[in-house]
Amino acid sequence: MSERNHAAETNRNGTSPCKSGQDAAASLHPAWMAFVRYCQQMGHGEIERLKIQDGIPVLVEVSRQKIKFS
C-alpha cells in the first residue's frame, strides 16, 4: 500500500476537510469567515477582484452593490 492511503487528508490551506457544517465553520481561517460574513451582509452584488494568497482571501479591491427593485 502507498503512503497516501495512510496519510491524514488535509486541504491546501492546511485545514482538515469536515463533514458537518459546524465543523466546517470551526476549521475555516478567520479571513474566510470575514469574507463569508461580508458576502452575507452584501446580499446582492458583485465582487470584481478578490486577492487570494496562500489559499486565504486577502483583499477585495472593487465591490459594487446591486439594488433589486422587484
N, C-alpha and C. Protein backbone atom coordinates (compact mmCIF):
# COMPACT_ATOMS: atom_id res chain seq x y z
N MET A 1 0.83 -1.18 0.00
CA MET A 1 0.00 0.00 0.00
C MET A 1 0.88 1.24 0.00
N SER A 2 0.37 2.32 -0.59
CA SER A 2 1.16 3.54 -0.67
C SER A 2 1.02 4.38 0.60
N GLU A 3 1.95 5.31 0.75
CA GLU A 3 1.92 6.22 1.90
C GLU A 3 0.66 7.08 1.86
N ARG A 4 0.16 7.38 0.68
CA ARG A 4 -1.02 8.24 0.52
C ARG A 4 -2.22 7.66 1.25
N ASN A 5 -2.37 6.35 1.25
CA ASN A 5 -3.51 5.71 1.89
C ASN A 5 -3.49 5.86 3.40
N HIS A 6 -2.32 6.06 3.98
CA HIS A 6 -2.20 6.14 5.42
C HIS A 6 -2.06 7.57 5.93
N ALA A 7 -1.85 8.52 5.03
CA ALA A 7 -1.66 9.91 5.44
C ALA A 7 -3.00 10.55 5.75
N ALA A 8 -3.02 11.43 6.77
CA ALA A 8 -4.23 12.18 7.10
C ALA A 8 -4.50 13.17 5.98
N GLU A 9 -5.75 13.29 5.59
CA GLU A 9 -6.10 14.17 4.49
C GLU A 9 -6.18 15.61 4.98
N THR A 10 -5.57 16.54 4.24
CA THR A 10 -5.64 17.95 4.58
C THR A 10 -5.93 18.74 3.32
N ASN A 11 -6.53 19.91 3.52
CA ASN A 11 -6.77 20.82 2.41
C ASN A 11 -5.50 21.58 2.09
N ARG A 12 -5.52 22.30 0.99
CA ARG A 12 -4.34 23.03 0.55
C ARG A 12 -3.90 24.09 1.56
N ASN A 13 -4.89 24.73 2.27
CA ASN A 13 -4.53 25.77 3.21
C ASN A 13 -4.24 25.23 4.61
N GLY A 14 -4.11 23.91 4.74
CA GLY A 14 -3.69 23.32 5.99
C GLY A 14 -4.80 22.89 6.92
N THR A 15 -6.05 23.15 6.53
CA THR A 15 -7.16 22.73 7.38
C THR A 15 -7.59 21.33 7.00
N SER A 16 -8.25 20.64 7.91
CA SER A 16 -8.74 19.30 7.63
C SER A 16 -10.13 19.38 7.02
N PRO A 17 -10.45 18.51 6.07
CA PRO A 17 -11.79 18.51 5.50
C PRO A 17 -12.81 18.12 6.56
N CYS A 18 -13.99 18.72 6.52
CA CYS A 18 -15.01 18.48 7.53
C CYS A 18 -16.28 17.92 6.90
N LYS A 19 -17.02 17.19 7.68
CA LYS A 19 -18.25 16.58 7.20
C LYS A 19 -19.47 17.43 7.54
N SER A 20 -19.54 18.00 8.74
CA SER A 20 -20.72 18.76 9.13
C SER A 20 -20.48 20.25 8.98
N GLY A 21 -21.57 21.03 8.90
CA GLY A 21 -21.47 22.47 8.75
C GLY A 21 -20.80 23.13 9.94
N GLN A 22 -21.10 22.66 11.14
CA GLN A 22 -20.50 23.24 12.34
C GLN A 22 -18.99 23.03 12.33
N ASP A 23 -18.55 21.84 11.99
CA ASP A 23 -17.12 21.56 11.93
C ASP A 23 -16.45 22.42 10.86
N ALA A 24 -17.14 22.62 9.73
CA ALA A 24 -16.58 23.41 8.65
C ALA A 24 -16.34 24.84 9.10
N ALA A 25 -17.29 25.43 9.80
CA ALA A 25 -17.13 26.80 10.28
C ALA A 25 -15.98 26.89 11.27
N ALA A 26 -15.81 25.88 12.10
CA ALA A 26 -14.75 25.89 13.09
C ALA A 26 -13.37 25.77 12.44
N SER A 27 -13.28 25.13 11.28
CA SER A 27 -11.98 24.92 10.66
C SER A 27 -11.63 26.01 9.66
N LEU A 28 -12.55 26.93 9.35
CA LEU A 28 -12.25 28.00 8.40
C LEU A 28 -11.29 29.02 9.00
N HIS A 29 -10.40 29.50 8.18
CA HIS A 29 -9.48 30.56 8.58
C HIS A 29 -10.32 31.82 8.88
N PRO A 30 -9.92 32.63 9.85
CA PRO A 30 -10.68 33.84 10.18
C PRO A 30 -10.90 34.77 8.98
N ALA A 31 -9.95 34.80 8.05
CA ALA A 31 -10.12 35.64 6.85
C ALA A 31 -11.26 35.12 5.99
N TRP A 32 -11.41 33.78 5.87
CA TRP A 32 -12.52 33.21 5.13
C TRP A 32 -13.84 33.50 5.83
N MET A 33 -13.84 33.41 7.16
CA MET A 33 -15.06 33.72 7.91
C MET A 33 -15.47 35.18 7.67
N ALA A 34 -14.51 36.10 7.67
CA ALA A 34 -14.80 37.51 7.44
C ALA A 34 -15.34 37.71 6.03
N PHE A 35 -14.77 37.01 5.05
CA PHE A 35 -15.23 37.13 3.67
C PHE A 35 -16.65 36.59 3.51
N VAL A 36 -16.94 35.46 4.13
CA VAL A 36 -18.30 34.88 4.07
C VAL A 36 -19.29 35.84 4.72
N ARG A 37 -18.93 36.41 5.88
CA ARG A 37 -19.80 37.39 6.54
C ARG A 37 -20.06 38.58 5.64
N TYR A 38 -19.01 39.07 4.97
CA TYR A 38 -19.14 40.19 4.05
C TYR A 38 -20.13 39.86 2.93
N CYS A 39 -20.03 38.68 2.38
CA CYS A 39 -20.94 38.26 1.30
C CYS A 39 -22.37 38.16 1.81
N GLN A 40 -22.56 37.64 3.01
CA GLN A 40 -23.90 37.53 3.58
C GLN A 40 -24.50 38.91 3.80
N GLN A 41 -23.71 39.85 4.30
CA GLN A 41 -24.21 41.20 4.56
C GLN A 41 -24.51 41.94 3.27
N MET A 42 -23.73 41.66 2.22
CA MET A 42 -23.93 42.33 0.94
C MET A 42 -25.26 41.92 0.32
N GLY A 43 -25.68 40.69 0.52
CA GLY A 43 -26.95 40.23 -0.03
C GLY A 43 -26.88 40.00 -1.53
N HIS A 44 -26.89 41.07 -2.31
CA HIS A 44 -26.77 41.01 -3.76
C HIS A 44 -25.63 41.94 -4.17
N GLY A 45 -24.90 41.55 -5.16
CA GLY A 45 -23.83 42.42 -5.65
C GLY A 45 -22.79 41.64 -6.41
N GLU A 46 -21.71 42.31 -6.70
CA GLU A 46 -20.61 41.70 -7.45
C GLU A 46 -19.29 41.99 -6.74
N ILE A 47 -18.42 41.05 -6.80
CA ILE A 47 -17.05 41.25 -6.35
C ILE A 47 -16.19 41.06 -7.58
N GLU A 48 -15.59 42.14 -8.02
CA GLU A 48 -14.84 42.09 -9.27
C GLU A 48 -13.46 41.50 -9.10
N ARG A 49 -12.77 41.86 -8.04
CA ARG A 49 -11.41 41.36 -7.83
C ARG A 49 -11.25 40.91 -6.40
N LEU A 50 -10.85 39.69 -6.26
CA LEU A 50 -10.57 39.12 -4.94
C LEU A 50 -9.14 38.63 -4.95
N LYS A 51 -8.32 39.18 -4.08
CA LYS A 51 -6.92 38.75 -3.98
C LYS A 51 -6.84 37.62 -2.97
N ILE A 52 -6.23 36.51 -3.40
CA ILE A 52 -6.04 35.36 -2.53
C ILE A 52 -4.54 35.03 -2.50
N GLN A 53 -4.02 34.88 -1.30
CA GLN A 53 -2.61 34.50 -1.13
C GLN A 53 -2.56 33.30 -0.21
N ASP A 54 -1.84 32.28 -0.62
CA ASP A 54 -1.70 31.04 0.16
C ASP A 54 -3.05 30.44 0.52
N GLY A 55 -4.01 30.54 -0.39
CA GLY A 55 -5.33 29.95 -0.18
C GLY A 55 -6.23 30.72 0.76
N ILE A 56 -5.86 31.97 1.09
CA ILE A 56 -6.63 32.77 2.03
C ILE A 56 -6.99 34.10 1.37
N PRO A 57 -8.27 34.53 1.48
CA PRO A 57 -8.64 35.83 0.90
C PRO A 57 -7.93 36.95 1.65
N VAL A 58 -7.34 37.87 0.88
CA VAL A 58 -6.56 38.93 1.48
C VAL A 58 -7.22 40.29 1.28
N LEU A 59 -7.79 40.52 0.08
CA LEU A 59 -8.27 41.85 -0.23
C LEU A 59 -9.34 41.79 -1.33
N VAL A 60 -10.41 42.55 -1.16
CA VAL A 60 -11.37 42.79 -2.23
C VAL A 60 -11.08 44.19 -2.72
N GLU A 61 -10.66 44.32 -3.98
CA GLU A 61 -10.29 45.63 -4.50
C GLU A 61 -11.50 46.47 -4.87
N VAL A 62 -12.44 45.89 -5.58
CA VAL A 62 -13.60 46.65 -6.03
C VAL A 62 -14.85 45.87 -5.69
N SER A 63 -15.78 46.53 -5.05
CA SER A 63 -17.02 45.89 -4.69
C SER A 63 -18.16 46.83 -5.05
N ARG A 64 -19.14 46.33 -5.79
CA ARG A 64 -20.31 47.12 -6.16
C ARG A 64 -21.55 46.42 -5.71
N GLN A 65 -22.46 47.18 -5.19
CA GLN A 65 -23.70 46.59 -4.71
C GLN A 65 -24.80 46.85 -5.72
N LYS A 66 -25.61 45.85 -5.98
CA LYS A 66 -26.78 45.99 -6.84
C LYS A 66 -28.01 46.10 -5.97
N ILE A 67 -28.93 46.94 -6.37
CA ILE A 67 -30.17 47.09 -5.62
C ILE A 67 -31.30 46.55 -6.49
N LYS A 68 -32.01 45.56 -5.94
CA LYS A 68 -33.14 44.95 -6.66
C LYS A 68 -34.42 45.73 -6.34
N PHE A 69 -35.18 46.07 -7.35
CA PHE A 69 -36.42 46.78 -7.17
C PHE A 69 -37.64 45.88 -7.29
N SER A 70 -37.42 44.59 -7.53
CA SER A 70 -38.57 43.69 -7.65
C SER A 70 -38.48 42.57 -6.67
